[in-house]
Amino acid sequence: MQTETLAIRISKAEREALGRRARQEKLSQGDLVRRALRAYGITPEPAPQRSGWDVIEHLVGKNRGGLADLSSNTAHLDDYGR
């Protein structure tokens, strides 16, 4: 989650009430404010689901000229581990 800072002006009484409630709920003040925003109906758009292909698509086809049978030809393993 990419985060940004938001500065707001609240009264001393509001700040004290926020601190008290955060301690009661065992949450940070920021978490409590985010919870209140969600309860008020201000929620971020859910991130679109990405498949494994979506994640690696930009890498596919980048390695040109390599061995085509590297995973199936045991001759490539002759000196492996030496």
C-alpha atoms as a PDB file:
ATOM      1  CA  MET A   1       0.000   0.000   0.000  1.00  0.00           C
ATOM      2  CA  GLN A   2       1.421   3.339  -0.998  1.00  0.00           C
ATOM      3  CA  THR A   3       0.780   5.888   1.729  1.00  0.00           C
ATOM      4  CA  GLU A   4       0.688   9.647   1.955  1.00  0.00           C
ATOM      5  CA  THR A   5       0.533  12.002   4.901  1.00  0.00           C
ATOM      6  CA  LEU A   6      -2.522  14.159   5.538  1.00  0.00           C
ATOM      7  CA  ALA A   7      -2.305  17.093   7.936  1.00  0.00           C
ATOM      8  CA  ILE A   8      -5.565  18.243   9.508  1.00  0.00           C
ATOM      9  CA  ARG A   9      -6.462  20.736  12.209  1.00  0.00           C
ATOM     10  CA  ILE A  10      -8.489  19.391  15.094  1.00  0.00           C
ATOM     11  CA  SER A  11      -9.216  20.845  18.514  1.00  0.00           C
ATOM     12  CA  LYS A  12      -7.270  19.822  21.587  1.00  0.00           C
ATOM     13  CA  ALA A  13     -10.402  18.074  22.903  1.00  0.00           C
ATOM     14  CA  GLU A  14     -10.757  16.093  19.664  1.00  0.00           C
ATOM     15  CA  ARG A  15      -7.067  15.125  19.778  1.00  0.00           C
ATOM     16  CA  GLU A  16      -7.399  13.937  23.387  1.00  0.00           C
ATOM     17  CA  ALA A  17     -10.555  11.976  22.553  1.00  0.00           C
ATOM     18  CA  LEU A  18      -8.806  10.405  19.568  1.00  0.00           C
ATOM     19  CA  GLY A  19      -5.859   9.407  21.752  1.00  0.00           C
ATOM     20  CA  ARG A  20      -8.132   7.937  24.435  1.00  0.00           C
ATOM     21  CA  ARG A  21     -10.138   5.941  21.917  1.00  0.00           C
ATOM     22  CA  ALA A  22      -6.998   4.687  20.164  1.00  0.00           C
ATOM     23  CA  ARG A  23      -5.619   3.445  23.499  1.00  0.00           C
ATOM     24  CA  GLN A  24      -8.942   1.760  24.330  1.00  0.00           C
ATOM     25  CA  GLU A  25      -9.022   0.015  20.952  1.00  0.00           C
ATOM     26  CA  LYS A  26      -5.264  -0.734  21.150  1.00  0.00           C
ATOM     27  CA  LEU A  27      -4.774   0.928  17.755  1.00  0.00           C
ATOM     28  CA  SER A  28      -2.609   3.738  16.503  1.00  0.00           C
ATOM     29  CA  GLN A  29      -4.372   7.033  15.955  1.00  0.00           C
ATOM     30  CA  GLY A  30      -3.791   6.670  12.213  1.00  0.00           C
ATOM     31  CA  ASP A  31      -5.372   3.202  12.165  1.00  0.00           C
ATOM     32  CA  LEU A  32      -8.362   4.553  14.067  1.00  0.00           C
ATOM     33  CA  VAL A  33      -8.806   7.421  11.588  1.00  0.00           C
ATOM     34  CA  ARG A  34      -8.499   5.000   8.629  1.00  0.00           C
ATOM     35  CA  ARG A  35     -11.140   2.766  10.252  1.00  0.00           C
ATOM     36  CA  ALA A  36     -13.429   5.784  10.661  1.00  0.00           C
ATOM     37  CA  LEU A  37     -12.936   6.741   7.001  1.00  0.00           C
ATOM     38  CA  ARG A  38     -13.899   3.217   5.915  1.00  0.00           C
ATOM     39  CA  ALA A  39     -16.983   3.313   8.193  1.00  0.00           C
ATOM     40  CA  TYR A  40     -17.940   6.641   6.628  1.00  0.00           C
ATOM     41  CA  GLY A  41     -17.814   5.029   3.206  1.00  0.00           C
ATOM     42  CA  ILE A  42     -14.510   6.451   2.022  1.00  0.00           C
ATOM     43  CA  THR A  43     -12.664   3.382   0.825  1.00  0.00           C
ATOM     44  CA  PRO A  44      -9.993   2.998  -1.819  1.00  0.00           C
ATOM     45  CA  GLU A  45     -10.742   1.159  -5.022  1.00  0.00           C
ATOM     46  CA  PRO A  46      -9.660  -2.474  -4.657  1.00  0.00           C
ATOM     47  CA  ALA A  47      -6.532  -3.310  -6.620  1.00  0.00           C
ATOM     48  CA  PRO A  48      -7.319  -5.436  -9.668  1.00  0.00           C
ATOM     49  CA  GLN A  49      -6.413  -9.088  -9.315  1.00  0.00           C
ATOM     50  CA  ARG A  50      -3.245  -9.937 -11.230  1.00  0.00           C
ATOM     51  CA  SER A  51      -2.414 -13.390 -12.520  1.00  0.00           C
ATOM     52  CA  GLY A  52       1.075 -14.887 -12.472  1.00  0.00           C
ATOM     53  CA  TRP A  53       1.323 -14.139 -16.173  1.00  0.00           C
ATOM     54  CA  ASP A  54       0.511 -10.471 -15.548  1.00  0.00           C
ATOM     55  CA  VAL A  55       3.381 -10.288 -13.063  1.00  0.00           C
ATOM     56  CA  ILE A  56       6.061 -11.807 -15.342  1.00  0.00           C
ATOM     57  CA  GLU A  57       4.749 -10.828 -18.777  1.00  0.00           C
ATOM     58  CA  HIS A  58       7.354  -8.076 -19.202  1.00  0.00           C
ATOM     59  CA  LEU A  59      10.151 -10.651 -18.718  1.00  0.00           C
ATOM     60  CA  VAL A  60       8.987 -13.242 -21.240  1.00  0.00           C
ATOM     61  CA  GLY A  61      11.068 -13.309 -24.391  1.00  0.00           C
ATOM     62  CA  LYS A  62      13.889 -11.140 -22.998  1.00  0.00           C
ATOM     63  CA  ASN A  63      16.532 -13.912 -23.072  1.00  0.00           C
ATOM     64  CA  ARG A  64      17.298 -14.512 -26.741  1.00  0.00           C
ATOM     65  CA  GLY A  65      19.964 -16.951 -27.970  1.00  0.00           C
ATOM     66  CA  GLY A  66      20.041 -19.216 -24.916  1.00  0.00           C
ATOM     67  CA  LEU A  67      19.961 -23.006 -24.921  1.00  0.00           C
ATOM     68  CA  ALA A  68      16.512 -24.236 -25.927  1.00  0.00           C
ATOM     69  CA  ASP A  69      16.889 -27.650 -24.245  1.00  0.00           C
ATOM     70  CA  LEU A  70      18.486 -26.543 -20.967  1.00  0.00           C
ATOM     71  CA  SER A  71      15.847 -28.189 -18.789  1.00  0.00           C
ATOM     72  CA  SER A  72      15.587 -31.452 -20.711  1.00  0.00           C
ATOM     73  CA  ASN A  73      19.136 -32.258 -21.910  1.00  0.00           C
ATOM     74  CA  THR A  74      21.196 -33.909 -19.137  1.00  0.00           C
ATOM     75  CA  ALA A  75      24.451 -33.179 -20.992  1.00  0.00           C
ATOM     76  CA  HIS A  76      24.196 -29.647 -19.617  1.00  0.00           C
ATOM     77  CA  LEU A  77      24.508 -31.089 -16.090  1.00  0.00           C
ATOM     78  CA  ASP A  78      27.759 -33.018 -16.656  1.00  0.00           C
ATOM     79  CA  ASP A  79      29.964 -30.609 -14.703  1.00  0.00           C
ATOM     80  CA  TYR A  80      27.293 -29.282 -12.366  1.00  0.00           C
ATOM     81  CA  GLY A  81      28.581 -28.940  -8.819  1.00  0.00           C
ATOM     82  CA  ARG A  82      32.292 -29.204  -9.688  1.00  0.00           C
END
